[in-house]
């Protein structure tokens, strides 16, 4: 079974969605579920201007006014500046090839939204790649070439052909569609509609504790 996740690092909602996916995999162990990441640049080859904000990007992507965007989206970071994300998208395909996609995406979102690092900076990208175990020579080659650019563009083109025009977007086996943000439990409920084998883990943090719930 495949869980496909279309995302852009410039979307705070995609960051929130990835946190939900992380929580899902902490709480449950899946025996037959493959998580596949798909690049979807909200603004292809985006180059940030000085006055650019996440609200402007989201307004452009969702075809909304700034006022509508501010009403629809809350907790949008104002202390982080949008940056160019083409290189990190290209690196994500190297991570996918190296079977490090989950760790890579988790680290990218952490660096950008929590540590407030510039993920367009090659030094930062090298540091992230090193932490998740990517081959440094392959990383350097990607960053100094056009490697995986076609893959990034094809991911977006294929998404549009499937009728996907907004991120975050999740599809389960190409059948169940989850548009925009969904909690870990909502994703779990959607997975349960398809035959899947899983078991609960010993995950315990605050109220998210299976052992507490079963006492």
N, C-alpha and C. Protein backbone atom coordinates (compact mmCIF):
# COMPACT_ATOMS: atom_id res chain seq x y z
N UNK A 1 0.84 -1.19 0.00
CA UNK A 1 0.00 0.00 0.00
C UNK A 1 0.88 1.25 0.00
N UNK A 2 0.44 2.27 -0.72
CA UNK A 2 1.22 3.50 -0.84
C UNK A 2 0.49 4.70 -0.25
N UNK A 3 1.22 5.45 0.55
CA UNK A 3 0.72 6.73 1.04
C UNK A 3 1.60 7.80 0.38
N UNK A 4 1.02 8.53 -0.57
CA UNK A 4 1.77 9.55 -1.29
C UNK A 4 1.49 10.92 -0.69
N UNK A 5 2.54 11.69 -0.50
CA UNK A 5 2.44 13.00 0.14
C UNK A 5 3.09 14.05 -0.76
N UNK A 6 2.25 14.92 -1.35
CA UNK A 6 2.75 16.03 -2.16
C UNK A 6 2.98 17.23 -1.23
N UNK A 7 4.16 17.84 -1.31
CA UNK A 7 4.50 18.89 -0.37
C UNK A 7 5.42 19.95 -0.96
N UNK A 8 5.43 21.08 -0.29
CA UNK A 8 6.40 22.13 -0.58
C UNK A 8 6.92 22.65 0.76
N UNK A 9 8.21 22.86 0.84
CA UNK A 9 8.83 23.31 2.09
C UNK A 9 8.43 24.74 2.45
N UNK A 10 7.93 25.48 1.48
CA UNK A 10 7.50 26.85 1.74
C UNK A 10 6.10 26.92 2.34
N UNK A 11 5.47 25.78 2.51
CA UNK A 11 4.12 25.76 3.07
C UNK A 11 4.17 25.38 4.55
N UNK A 12 3.86 26.31 5.46
CA UNK A 12 3.79 25.97 6.88
C UNK A 12 2.76 24.88 7.16
N UNK A 13 1.76 24.78 6.28
CA UNK A 13 0.74 23.74 6.46
C UNK A 13 1.33 22.37 6.15
N UNK A 14 2.25 22.31 5.17
CA UNK A 14 2.93 21.05 4.87
C UNK A 14 3.83 20.63 6.03
N UNK A 15 4.44 21.61 6.69
CA UNK A 15 5.24 21.33 7.88
C UNK A 15 4.36 20.71 8.97
N UNK A 16 3.19 21.31 9.18
CA UNK A 16 2.25 20.79 10.17
C UNK A 16 1.78 19.39 9.77
N UNK A 17 1.56 19.19 8.47
CA UNK A 17 1.12 17.88 7.98
C UNK A 17 2.19 16.83 8.20
N UNK A 18 3.45 17.21 7.98
CA UNK A 18 4.53 16.25 8.20
C UNK A 18 4.63 15.88 9.68
N UNK A 19 4.38 16.81 10.56
CA UNK A 19 4.38 16.51 11.99
C UNK A 19 3.31 15.46 12.32
N UNK A 20 2.16 15.57 11.66
CA UNK A 20 1.08 14.60 11.87
C UNK A 20 1.50 13.22 11.37
N UNK A 21 2.21 13.19 10.24
CA UNK A 21 2.69 11.92 9.70
C UNK A 21 3.74 11.31 10.63
N UNK A 22 4.62 12.16 11.16
CA UNK A 22 5.62 11.68 12.11
C UNK A 22 4.94 11.05 13.32
N UNK A 23 3.91 11.70 13.83
CA UNK A 23 3.18 11.19 14.99
C UNK A 23 2.50 9.87 14.66
N UNK A 24 1.94 9.78 13.46
CA UNK A 24 1.30 8.54 13.01
C UNK A 24 2.27 7.36 13.07
N UNK A 25 3.50 7.58 12.58
CA UNK A 25 4.49 6.50 12.56
C UNK A 25 5.11 6.24 13.93
N UNK A 26 4.96 7.19 14.86
CA UNK A 26 5.39 6.94 16.24
C UNK A 26 4.38 6.05 16.96
N UNK A 27 3.11 6.27 16.66
CA UNK A 27 2.04 5.58 17.38
C UNK A 27 1.75 4.19 16.83
N UNK A 28 2.04 3.98 15.53
CA UNK A 28 1.72 2.71 14.91
C UNK A 28 2.87 2.20 14.06
N UNK A 29 3.02 0.91 14.04
CA UNK A 29 4.00 0.26 13.17
C UNK A 29 3.25 -0.42 12.04
N UNK A 30 3.54 -0.02 10.82
CA UNK A 30 2.84 -0.54 9.65
C UNK A 30 3.71 -1.56 8.91
N UNK A 31 3.11 -2.69 8.59
CA UNK A 31 3.86 -3.75 7.93
C UNK A 31 3.79 -3.69 6.41
N UNK A 32 2.82 -2.94 5.89
CA UNK A 32 2.64 -2.96 4.43
C UNK A 32 2.32 -1.57 3.89
N UNK A 33 2.93 -0.55 4.50
CA UNK A 33 2.66 0.82 4.07
C UNK A 33 3.96 1.49 3.63
N UNK A 34 3.94 2.04 2.41
CA UNK A 34 5.10 2.74 1.87
C UNK A 34 4.78 4.24 1.77
N UNK A 35 5.58 5.06 2.43
CA UNK A 35 5.41 6.51 2.39
C UNK A 35 6.26 7.06 1.24
N UNK A 36 5.59 7.72 0.30
CA UNK A 36 6.27 8.27 -0.87
C UNK A 36 6.11 9.78 -0.91
N UNK A 37 7.22 10.48 -0.99
CA UNK A 37 7.20 11.95 -1.06
C UNK A 37 7.19 12.41 -2.52
N UNK A 38 6.37 13.43 -2.80
CA UNK A 38 6.27 14.01 -4.14
C UNK A 38 6.52 15.52 -4.04
N UNK A 39 7.43 16.01 -4.85
CA UNK A 39 7.71 17.45 -4.87
C UNK A 39 6.58 18.21 -5.55
N UNK A 40 6.22 19.33 -4.95
CA UNK A 40 5.21 20.20 -5.56
C UNK A 40 5.55 21.64 -5.18
N UNK A 41 6.35 22.28 -6.01
CA UNK A 41 6.68 23.68 -5.75
C UNK A 41 5.44 24.54 -5.99
N UNK A 42 4.97 25.19 -4.96
CA UNK A 42 3.78 26.04 -5.09
C UNK A 42 4.00 27.13 -6.13
N UNK A 43 5.21 27.69 -6.12
CA UNK A 43 5.61 28.66 -7.14
C UNK A 43 6.90 28.13 -7.76
N UNK A 44 6.82 27.48 -8.93
CA UNK A 44 8.02 26.88 -9.55
C UNK A 44 9.16 27.88 -9.69
N UNK A 45 10.37 27.42 -9.28
CA UNK A 45 11.59 28.22 -9.37
C UNK A 45 11.43 29.57 -8.66
N UNK A 46 10.77 29.52 -7.53
CA UNK A 46 10.49 30.72 -6.72
C UNK A 46 11.77 31.45 -6.33
N UNK A 47 11.78 32.76 -6.53
CA UNK A 47 12.88 33.64 -6.11
C UNK A 47 12.28 34.69 -5.17
N UNK A 48 12.61 34.65 -3.87
CA UNK A 48 11.97 35.56 -2.91
C UNK A 48 12.38 37.02 -3.10
N UNK A 49 11.40 37.90 -2.98
CA UNK A 49 11.66 39.34 -2.96
C UNK A 49 11.77 39.79 -1.52
N UNK A 50 12.27 40.97 -1.30
CA UNK A 50 12.53 41.46 0.05
C UNK A 50 11.27 41.50 0.91
N UNK A 51 10.14 41.86 0.30
CA UNK A 51 8.90 42.01 1.08
C UNK A 51 8.02 40.76 1.04
N UNK A 52 8.56 39.65 0.57
CA UNK A 52 7.77 38.42 0.45
C UNK A 52 7.50 37.81 1.82
N UNK A 53 6.27 37.32 2.00
CA UNK A 53 5.89 36.66 3.25
C UNK A 53 5.21 35.33 2.91
N UNK A 54 5.05 34.49 3.93
CA UNK A 54 4.34 33.23 3.71
C UNK A 54 2.89 33.49 3.31
N UNK A 55 2.31 34.55 3.84
CA UNK A 55 0.93 34.89 3.47
C UNK A 55 0.81 35.16 1.98
N UNK A 56 1.79 35.87 1.42
CA UNK A 56 1.76 36.17 -0.02
C UNK A 56 1.89 34.90 -0.85
N UNK A 57 2.76 34.01 -0.42
CA UNK A 57 2.95 32.74 -1.14
C UNK A 57 1.68 31.91 -1.09
N UNK A 58 1.08 31.79 0.09
CA UNK A 58 -0.14 31.00 0.24
C UNK A 58 -1.30 31.63 -0.52
N UNK A 59 -1.37 32.95 -0.52
CA UNK A 59 -2.42 33.64 -1.27
C UNK A 59 -2.29 33.35 -2.76
N UNK A 60 -1.06 33.39 -3.25
CA UNK A 60 -0.80 33.09 -4.66
C UNK A 60 -1.16 31.65 -4.99
N UNK A 61 -0.75 30.73 -4.12
CA UNK A 61 -0.96 29.30 -4.37
C UNK A 61 -2.43 28.91 -4.31
N UNK A 62 -3.14 29.43 -3.33
CA UNK A 62 -4.54 29.05 -3.14
C UNK A 62 -5.52 30.00 -3.83
N UNK A 63 -4.97 30.95 -4.57
CA UNK A 63 -5.77 31.94 -5.29
C UNK A 63 -6.74 32.64 -4.34
N UNK A 64 -6.16 33.28 -3.34
CA UNK A 64 -6.93 34.01 -2.34
C UNK A 64 -6.38 35.43 -2.21
N UNK A 65 -7.16 36.30 -1.61
CA UNK A 65 -6.65 37.62 -1.27
C UNK A 65 -5.82 37.48 0.00
N UNK A 66 -5.02 38.49 0.31
CA UNK A 66 -4.24 38.45 1.54
C UNK A 66 -5.15 38.38 2.75
N UNK A 67 -6.26 39.10 2.70
CA UNK A 67 -7.20 39.11 3.82
C UNK A 67 -7.80 37.71 4.03
N UNK A 68 -8.20 37.08 2.92
CA UNK A 68 -8.77 35.73 3.00
C UNK A 68 -7.73 34.73 3.53
N UNK A 69 -6.49 34.91 3.10
CA UNK A 69 -5.42 34.02 3.53
C UNK A 69 -5.18 34.13 5.02
N UNK A 70 -5.16 35.36 5.52
CA UNK A 70 -4.94 35.58 6.95
C UNK A 70 -6.08 35.03 7.79
N UNK A 71 -7.29 35.02 7.24
CA UNK A 71 -8.44 34.46 7.96
C UNK A 71 -8.40 32.93 7.94
N UNK A 72 -7.93 32.37 6.82
CA UNK A 72 -7.96 30.92 6.64
C UNK A 72 -6.81 30.21 7.36
N UNK A 73 -5.64 30.84 7.39
CA UNK A 73 -4.46 30.18 7.95
C UNK A 73 -4.02 30.90 9.23
N UNK A 74 -3.86 30.11 10.30
CA UNK A 74 -3.37 30.69 11.54
C UNK A 74 -1.97 30.13 11.85
N UNK A 75 -1.33 30.73 12.81
CA UNK A 75 0.01 30.30 13.23
C UNK A 75 1.03 30.31 12.08
N UNK A 76 0.88 31.24 11.16
CA UNK A 76 1.86 31.36 10.08
C UNK A 76 3.07 32.11 10.62
N UNK A 77 4.28 31.56 10.45
CA UNK A 77 5.46 32.22 11.02
C UNK A 77 5.73 33.59 10.41
N UNK A 78 6.01 34.53 11.26
CA UNK A 78 6.35 35.89 10.79
C UNK A 78 7.82 36.19 11.04
N UNK A 79 8.50 35.28 11.76
CA UNK A 79 9.92 35.50 12.06
C UNK A 79 10.83 34.68 11.16
N UNK A 80 10.26 34.07 10.12
CA UNK A 80 11.04 33.32 9.15
C UNK A 80 10.76 33.89 7.77
N UNK A 81 11.80 34.09 7.00
CA UNK A 81 11.65 34.61 5.65
C UNK A 81 11.58 33.46 4.64
N UNK A 82 10.64 33.51 3.69
CA UNK A 82 10.61 32.50 2.62
C UNK A 82 11.92 32.52 1.84
N UNK A 83 12.37 31.36 1.43
CA UNK A 83 13.63 31.24 0.69
C UNK A 83 13.42 30.37 -0.56
N UNK A 84 14.39 30.37 -1.42
CA UNK A 84 14.34 29.53 -2.61
C UNK A 84 14.46 28.07 -2.19
N UNK A 85 13.60 27.20 -2.72
CA UNK A 85 13.58 25.80 -2.27
C UNK A 85 13.85 24.79 -3.39
N UNK A 86 14.24 25.26 -4.55
CA UNK A 86 14.49 24.35 -5.66
C UNK A 86 15.58 23.34 -5.32
N UNK A 87 16.67 23.81 -4.70
CA UNK A 87 17.78 22.90 -4.38
C UNK A 87 17.38 21.84 -3.36
N UNK A 88 16.62 22.25 -2.34
CA UNK A 88 16.24 21.27 -1.33
C UNK A 88 15.25 20.26 -1.91
N UNK A 89 14.41 20.68 -2.84
CA UNK A 89 13.54 19.73 -3.52
C UNK A 89 14.36 18.73 -4.33
N UNK A 90 15.40 19.23 -5.00
CA UNK A 90 16.25 18.33 -5.79
C UNK A 90 16.97 17.34 -4.87
N UNK A 91 17.44 17.83 -3.74
CA UNK A 91 18.11 16.94 -2.79
C UNK A 91 17.16 15.90 -2.22
N UNK A 92 15.89 16.25 -2.11
CA UNK A 92 14.92 15.29 -1.57
C UNK A 92 14.82 14.05 -2.45
N UNK A 93 15.09 14.23 -3.74
CA UNK A 93 15.05 13.08 -4.65
C UNK A 93 16.29 12.19 -4.48
N UNK A 94 17.41 12.80 -4.13
CA UNK A 94 18.58 12.00 -3.77
C UNK A 94 18.29 11.23 -2.49
N UNK A 95 17.64 11.88 -1.53
CA UNK A 95 17.29 11.22 -0.27
C UNK A 95 16.34 10.05 -0.53
N UNK A 96 15.41 10.25 -1.45
CA UNK A 96 14.48 9.18 -1.81
C UNK A 96 15.23 7.99 -2.42
N UNK A 97 16.14 8.30 -3.32
CA UNK A 97 16.95 7.25 -3.95
C UNK A 97 17.80 6.51 -2.92
N UNK A 98 18.24 7.24 -1.89
CA UNK A 98 19.09 6.67 -0.84
C UNK A 98 18.30 6.06 0.31
N UNK A 99 16.96 6.01 0.17
CA UNK A 99 16.07 5.46 1.18
C UNK A 99 16.19 6.22 2.51
N UNK A 100 16.34 7.54 2.40
CA UNK A 100 16.42 8.40 3.57
C UNK A 100 15.39 9.53 3.50
N UNK A 101 14.34 9.32 2.73
CA UNK A 101 13.38 10.40 2.47
C UNK A 101 12.69 10.90 3.74
N UNK A 102 12.24 9.99 4.59
CA UNK A 102 11.54 10.39 5.80
C UNK A 102 12.45 11.22 6.70
N UNK A 103 13.65 10.72 6.95
CA UNK A 103 14.59 11.42 7.82
C UNK A 103 14.98 12.78 7.23
N UNK A 104 15.17 12.82 5.91
CA UNK A 104 15.57 14.06 5.26
C UNK A 104 14.48 15.11 5.38
N UNK A 105 13.25 14.75 5.05
CA UNK A 105 12.15 15.72 5.12
C UNK A 105 11.88 16.17 6.55
N UNK A 106 11.98 15.26 7.48
CA UNK A 106 11.81 15.61 8.89
C UNK A 106 12.86 16.64 9.30
N UNK A 107 14.10 16.43 8.88
CA UNK A 107 15.19 17.33 9.26
C UNK A 107 15.07 18.69 8.56
N UNK A 108 14.65 18.69 7.29
CA UNK A 108 14.49 19.95 6.56
C UNK A 108 13.44 20.83 7.23
N UNK A 109 12.29 20.24 7.54
CA UNK A 109 11.23 21.01 8.20
C UNK A 109 11.70 21.51 9.57
N UNK A 110 12.43 20.69 10.31
CA UNK A 110 12.93 21.09 11.62
C UNK A 110 13.89 22.27 11.49
N UNK A 111 14.81 22.17 10.55
CA UNK A 111 15.80 23.24 10.37
C UNK A 111 15.14 24.55 9.98
N UNK A 112 14.15 24.48 9.11
CA UNK A 112 13.54 25.70 8.59
C UNK A 112 12.58 26.34 9.59
N UNK A 113 11.64 25.54 10.09
CA UNK A 113 10.56 26.11 10.91
C UNK A 113 10.88 26.16 12.41
N UNK A 114 11.78 25.31 12.87
CA UNK A 114 12.09 25.30 14.30
C UNK A 114 13.43 25.97 14.61
N UNK A 115 14.45 25.63 13.83
CA UNK A 115 15.77 26.21 14.06
C UNK A 115 15.96 27.51 13.28
N UNK A 116 15.03 27.79 12.36
CA UNK A 116 15.04 29.02 11.56
C UNK A 116 16.32 29.17 10.73
N UNK A 117 16.77 28.05 10.16
CA UNK A 117 17.94 28.04 9.29
C UNK A 117 17.53 28.28 7.85
N UNK A 118 18.44 28.83 7.07
CA UNK A 118 18.20 29.12 5.66
C UNK A 118 18.42 27.86 4.82
N UNK A 119 17.34 27.20 4.44
CA UNK A 119 17.47 25.93 3.70
C UNK A 119 17.76 26.14 2.21
N UNK A 120 18.05 27.38 1.82
CA UNK A 120 18.54 27.61 0.47
C UNK A 120 20.07 27.68 0.47
N UNK A 121 20.64 27.72 1.67
CA UNK A 121 22.09 27.82 1.84
C UNK A 121 22.74 26.45 1.66
N UNK A 122 23.68 26.30 0.71
CA UNK A 122 24.33 25.00 0.48
C UNK A 122 25.01 24.43 1.73
N UNK A 123 25.55 25.30 2.58
CA UNK A 123 26.20 24.82 3.80
C UNK A 123 25.18 24.18 4.73
N UNK A 124 24.02 24.79 4.85
CA UNK A 124 22.95 24.23 5.68
C UNK A 124 22.45 22.92 5.09
N UNK A 125 22.31 22.87 3.78
CA UNK A 125 21.85 21.64 3.12
C UNK A 125 22.86 20.51 3.26
N UNK A 126 24.14 20.85 3.22
CA UNK A 126 25.18 19.84 3.45
C UNK A 126 25.10 19.30 4.88
N UNK A 127 24.82 20.20 5.83
CA UNK A 127 24.71 19.79 7.23
C UNK A 127 23.52 18.86 7.44
N UNK A 128 22.38 19.22 6.86
CA UNK A 128 21.19 18.38 6.96
C UNK A 128 21.45 17.02 6.34
N UNK A 129 22.05 17.02 5.16
CA UNK A 129 22.33 15.78 4.43
C UNK A 129 23.27 14.88 5.22
N UNK A 130 24.26 15.49 5.87
CA UNK A 130 25.21 14.72 6.68
C UNK A 130 24.51 14.07 7.86
N UNK A 131 23.60 14.82 8.50
CA UNK A 131 22.89 14.30 9.68
C UNK A 131 22.03 13.08 9.35
N UNK A 132 21.50 13.04 8.12
CA UNK A 132 20.62 11.91 7.76
C UNK A 132 21.37 10.81 7.03
N UNK A 133 22.68 11.00 6.80
CA UNK A 133 23.50 9.94 6.24
C UNK A 133 23.57 9.87 4.73
N UNK A 134 23.36 11.01 4.04
CA UNK A 134 23.51 11.02 2.59
C UNK A 134 24.99 11.10 2.23
N UNK A 135 25.34 10.52 1.09
CA UNK A 135 26.72 10.53 0.61
C UNK A 135 27.14 11.96 0.29
N UNK A 136 28.17 12.51 0.96
CA UNK A 136 28.55 13.92 0.75
C UNK A 136 28.96 14.24 -0.69
N UNK A 137 29.58 13.30 -1.37
CA UNK A 137 29.98 13.55 -2.76
C UNK A 137 28.76 13.65 -3.66
N UNK A 138 27.76 12.81 -3.40
CA UNK A 138 26.53 12.86 -4.19
C UNK A 138 25.76 14.15 -3.90
N UNK A 139 25.77 14.57 -2.64
CA UNK A 139 25.10 15.81 -2.26
C UNK A 139 25.76 17.00 -2.96
N UNK A 140 27.07 17.02 -2.93
CA UNK A 140 27.82 18.11 -3.57
C UNK A 140 27.54 18.15 -5.07
N UNK A 141 27.46 16.98 -5.68
CA UNK A 141 27.18 16.92 -7.12
C UNK A 141 25.80 17.50 -7.43
N UNK A 142 24.82 17.14 -6.61
CA UNK A 142 23.46 17.66 -6.81
C UNK A 142 23.46 19.18 -6.69
N UNK A 143 24.13 19.69 -5.67
CA UNK A 143 24.12 21.13 -5.40
C UNK A 143 24.90 21.95 -6.43
N UNK A 144 25.80 21.32 -7.14
CA UNK A 144 26.61 22.04 -8.13
C UNK A 144 26.21 21.70 -9.57
N UNK A 145 25.06 21.06 -9.70
CA UNK A 145 24.59 20.68 -11.04
C UNK A 145 23.08 20.89 -11.13
N UNK A 146 22.49 20.36 -12.17
CA UNK A 146 21.05 20.45 -12.36
C UNK A 146 20.37 19.11 -12.06
N UNK A 147 21.09 18.25 -11.36
CA UNK A 147 20.63 16.90 -11.07
C UNK A 147 19.27 16.92 -10.37
N UNK A 148 18.36 16.09 -10.81
CA UNK A 148 17.02 15.89 -10.27
C UNK A 148 16.05 17.05 -10.53
N UNK A 149 16.47 18.06 -11.29
CA UNK A 149 15.56 19.15 -11.61
C UNK A 149 14.37 18.63 -12.41
N UNK A 150 14.64 17.74 -13.35
CA UNK A 150 13.56 17.17 -14.16
C UNK A 150 12.59 16.38 -13.29
N UNK A 151 13.13 15.67 -12.29
CA UNK A 151 12.28 14.89 -11.39
C UNK A 151 11.33 15.79 -10.61
N UNK A 152 11.85 16.91 -10.14
CA UNK A 152 11.02 17.88 -9.40
C UNK A 152 9.90 18.40 -10.29
N UNK A 153 10.25 18.77 -11.51
CA UNK A 153 9.25 19.31 -12.44
C UNK A 153 8.22 18.27 -12.83
N UNK A 154 8.68 17.03 -13.04
CA UNK A 154 7.75 15.96 -13.44
C UNK A 154 6.79 15.62 -12.30
N UNK A 155 7.27 15.68 -11.05
CA UNK A 155 6.39 15.43 -9.90
C UNK A 155 5.21 16.39 -9.92
N UNK A 156 5.50 17.66 -10.18
CA UNK A 156 4.45 18.68 -10.19
C UNK A 156 3.53 18.50 -11.40
N UNK A 157 4.11 18.22 -12.55
CA UNK A 157 3.30 18.03 -13.76
C UNK A 157 2.37 16.83 -13.61
N UNK A 158 2.89 15.75 -13.06
CA UNK A 158 2.07 14.55 -12.85
C UNK A 158 0.95 14.81 -11.84
N UNK A 159 1.27 15.63 -10.83
CA UNK A 159 0.24 15.98 -9.84
C UNK A 159 -0.91 16.73 -10.50
N UNK A 160 -0.58 17.70 -11.34
CA UNK A 160 -1.61 18.49 -12.03
C UNK A 160 -2.44 17.60 -12.94
N UNK A 161 -1.80 16.64 -13.60
CA UNK A 161 -2.54 15.70 -14.44
C UNK A 161 -3.52 14.86 -13.61
N UNK A 162 -3.18 14.64 -12.35
CA UNK A 162 -4.06 13.88 -11.44
C UNK A 162 -5.12 14.78 -10.80
N UNK A 163 -5.08 16.07 -11.13
CA UNK A 163 -6.05 16.99 -10.56
C UNK A 163 -5.65 17.55 -9.21
N UNK A 164 -4.34 17.52 -8.93
CA UNK A 164 -3.83 18.05 -7.67
C UNK A 164 -3.30 19.46 -7.93
N UNK A 165 -3.92 20.44 -7.29
CA UNK A 165 -3.55 21.83 -7.53
C UNK A 165 -3.13 22.56 -6.25
N UNK A 166 -3.24 21.88 -5.11
CA UNK A 166 -2.88 22.50 -3.84
C UNK A 166 -2.16 21.50 -2.94
N UNK A 167 -1.25 22.00 -2.11
CA UNK A 167 -0.60 21.17 -1.10
C UNK A 167 -0.89 21.75 0.27
N UNK A 168 -0.88 20.90 1.31
CA UNK A 168 -0.55 19.48 1.29
C UNK A 168 -1.66 18.63 0.67
N UNK A 169 -1.24 17.50 0.10
CA UNK A 169 -2.18 16.59 -0.53
C UNK A 169 -1.67 15.17 -0.30
N UNK A 170 -2.57 14.31 0.19
CA UNK A 170 -2.22 12.91 0.46
C UNK A 170 -3.16 12.00 -0.33
N UNK A 171 -2.59 10.96 -0.89
CA UNK A 171 -3.39 9.91 -1.54
C UNK A 171 -2.95 8.55 -1.04
N UNK A 172 -3.93 7.69 -0.78
CA UNK A 172 -3.66 6.34 -0.31
C UNK A 172 -4.04 5.36 -1.40
N UNK A 173 -3.03 4.69 -1.93
CA UNK A 173 -3.22 3.74 -3.04
C UNK A 173 -3.93 4.37 -4.24
N UNK A 174 -3.81 5.66 -4.38
CA UNK A 174 -4.45 6.35 -5.49
C UNK A 174 -5.96 6.39 -5.40
N UNK A 175 -6.52 5.91 -4.29
CA UNK A 175 -7.98 5.82 -4.15
C UNK A 175 -8.54 6.84 -3.18
N UNK A 176 -7.98 6.88 -1.98
CA UNK A 176 -8.47 7.79 -0.95
C UNK A 176 -7.70 9.10 -1.02
N UNK A 177 -8.41 10.20 -1.11
CA UNK A 177 -7.79 11.52 -1.28
C UNK A 177 -8.01 12.36 -0.03
N UNK A 178 -6.93 12.90 0.48
CA UNK A 178 -7.00 13.79 1.65
C UNK A 178 -6.40 15.14 1.24
N UNK A 179 -7.26 16.12 1.03
CA UNK A 179 -6.81 17.45 0.62
C UNK A 179 -6.58 18.32 1.84
N UNK A 180 -5.55 19.15 1.76
CA UNK A 180 -5.21 20.07 2.85
C UNK A 180 -4.81 19.30 4.11
N UNK A 181 -4.81 19.96 5.27
CA UNK A 181 -4.26 19.34 6.47
C UNK A 181 -5.19 18.30 7.09
N UNK A 182 -4.58 17.17 7.55
CA UNK A 182 -5.32 16.14 8.28
C UNK A 182 -4.47 15.69 9.46
N UNK A 183 -5.14 15.42 10.59
CA UNK A 183 -4.44 14.95 11.78
C UNK A 183 -3.96 13.51 11.57
N UNK A 184 -3.11 13.05 12.49
CA UNK A 184 -2.63 11.67 12.41
C UNK A 184 -3.79 10.69 12.53
N UNK A 185 -4.78 10.99 13.37
CA UNK A 185 -5.91 10.08 13.53
C UNK A 185 -6.80 10.06 12.30
N UNK A 186 -6.94 11.20 11.64
CA UNK A 186 -7.72 11.24 10.39
C UNK A 186 -7.03 10.43 9.30
N UNK A 187 -5.71 10.50 9.25
CA UNK A 187 -4.97 9.69 8.27
C UNK A 187 -5.12 8.21 8.62
N UNK A 188 -5.03 7.90 9.92
CA UNK A 188 -5.17 6.51 10.37
C UNK A 188 -6.54 5.96 10.01
N UNK A 189 -7.58 6.75 10.21
CA UNK A 189 -8.94 6.32 9.86
C UNK A 189 -9.05 6.06 8.35
N UNK A 190 -8.39 6.92 7.55
CA UNK A 190 -8.42 6.73 6.10
C UNK A 190 -7.69 5.45 5.71
N UNK A 191 -6.57 5.18 6.39
CA UNK A 191 -5.82 3.94 6.12
C UNK A 191 -6.64 2.72 6.46
N UNK A 192 -7.46 2.82 7.51
CA UNK A 192 -8.28 1.70 7.93
C UNK A 192 -9.37 1.34 6.92
N UNK A 193 -9.65 2.27 6.01
CA UNK A 193 -10.65 1.98 4.98
C UNK A 193 -10.08 1.07 3.90
N UNK A 194 -8.76 0.94 3.92
CA UNK A 194 -8.08 0.04 2.99
C UNK A 194 -7.45 -1.05 3.83
N UNK A 195 -7.32 -2.25 3.28
CA UNK A 195 -6.73 -3.35 4.04
C UNK A 195 -5.30 -3.02 4.37
N UNK A 196 -4.97 -3.02 5.67
CA UNK A 196 -3.62 -2.69 6.11
C UNK A 196 -3.31 -3.42 7.41
N UNK A 197 -2.06 -3.84 7.56
CA UNK A 197 -1.63 -4.53 8.77
C UNK A 197 -0.79 -3.58 9.61
N UNK A 198 -1.15 -3.43 10.88
CA UNK A 198 -0.41 -2.51 11.74
C UNK A 198 -0.46 -3.02 13.18
N UNK A 199 0.39 -2.44 14.01
CA UNK A 199 0.35 -2.73 15.44
C UNK A 199 0.69 -1.45 16.19
N UNK A 200 0.18 -1.30 17.40
CA UNK A 200 0.46 -0.13 18.21
C UNK A 200 1.88 -0.20 18.74
N UNK A 201 2.54 0.94 18.85
CA UNK A 201 3.88 0.98 19.42
C UNK A 201 3.77 1.36 20.90
N UNK A 202 4.90 1.46 21.54
CA UNK A 202 4.91 1.87 22.95
C UNK A 202 5.04 3.37 23.09
N UNK A 203 4.69 4.11 22.01
CA UNK A 203 4.85 5.57 22.01
C UNK A 203 4.06 6.19 23.15
N UNK A 204 4.70 7.10 23.86
CA UNK A 204 4.04 7.76 24.98
C UNK A 204 4.61 9.16 25.15
N UNK A 205 3.75 10.16 24.99
CA UNK A 205 4.17 11.56 25.17
C UNK A 205 2.95 12.38 25.52
N UNK A 206 2.91 12.89 26.73
CA UNK A 206 1.77 13.69 27.16
C UNK A 206 0.49 12.87 27.10
N UNK A 207 -0.52 13.42 26.43
CA UNK A 207 -1.81 12.74 26.31
C UNK A 207 -1.79 11.69 25.21
N UNK A 208 -0.75 11.72 24.35
CA UNK A 208 -0.66 10.77 23.25
C UNK A 208 0.02 9.50 23.73
N UNK A 209 -0.59 8.82 24.65
CA UNK A 209 0.02 7.64 25.25
C UNK A 209 -0.96 6.48 25.23
N UNK A 210 -0.63 5.46 24.42
CA UNK A 210 -1.52 4.30 24.30
C UNK A 210 -1.61 3.55 25.63
N UNK A 211 -0.50 3.53 26.39
CA UNK A 211 -0.53 2.79 27.66
C UNK A 211 -1.47 3.47 28.65
N UNK A 212 -1.47 4.80 28.66
CA UNK A 212 -2.38 5.52 29.53
C UNK A 212 -3.84 5.28 29.16
N UNK A 213 -4.08 5.26 27.83
CA UNK A 213 -5.45 5.14 27.35
C UNK A 213 -6.05 3.77 27.66
N UNK A 214 -5.19 2.74 27.80
CA UNK A 214 -5.70 1.39 27.98
C UNK A 214 -5.73 0.98 29.45
N UNK A 215 -5.33 1.86 30.34
CA UNK A 215 -5.37 1.51 31.78
C UNK A 215 -6.79 1.49 32.30
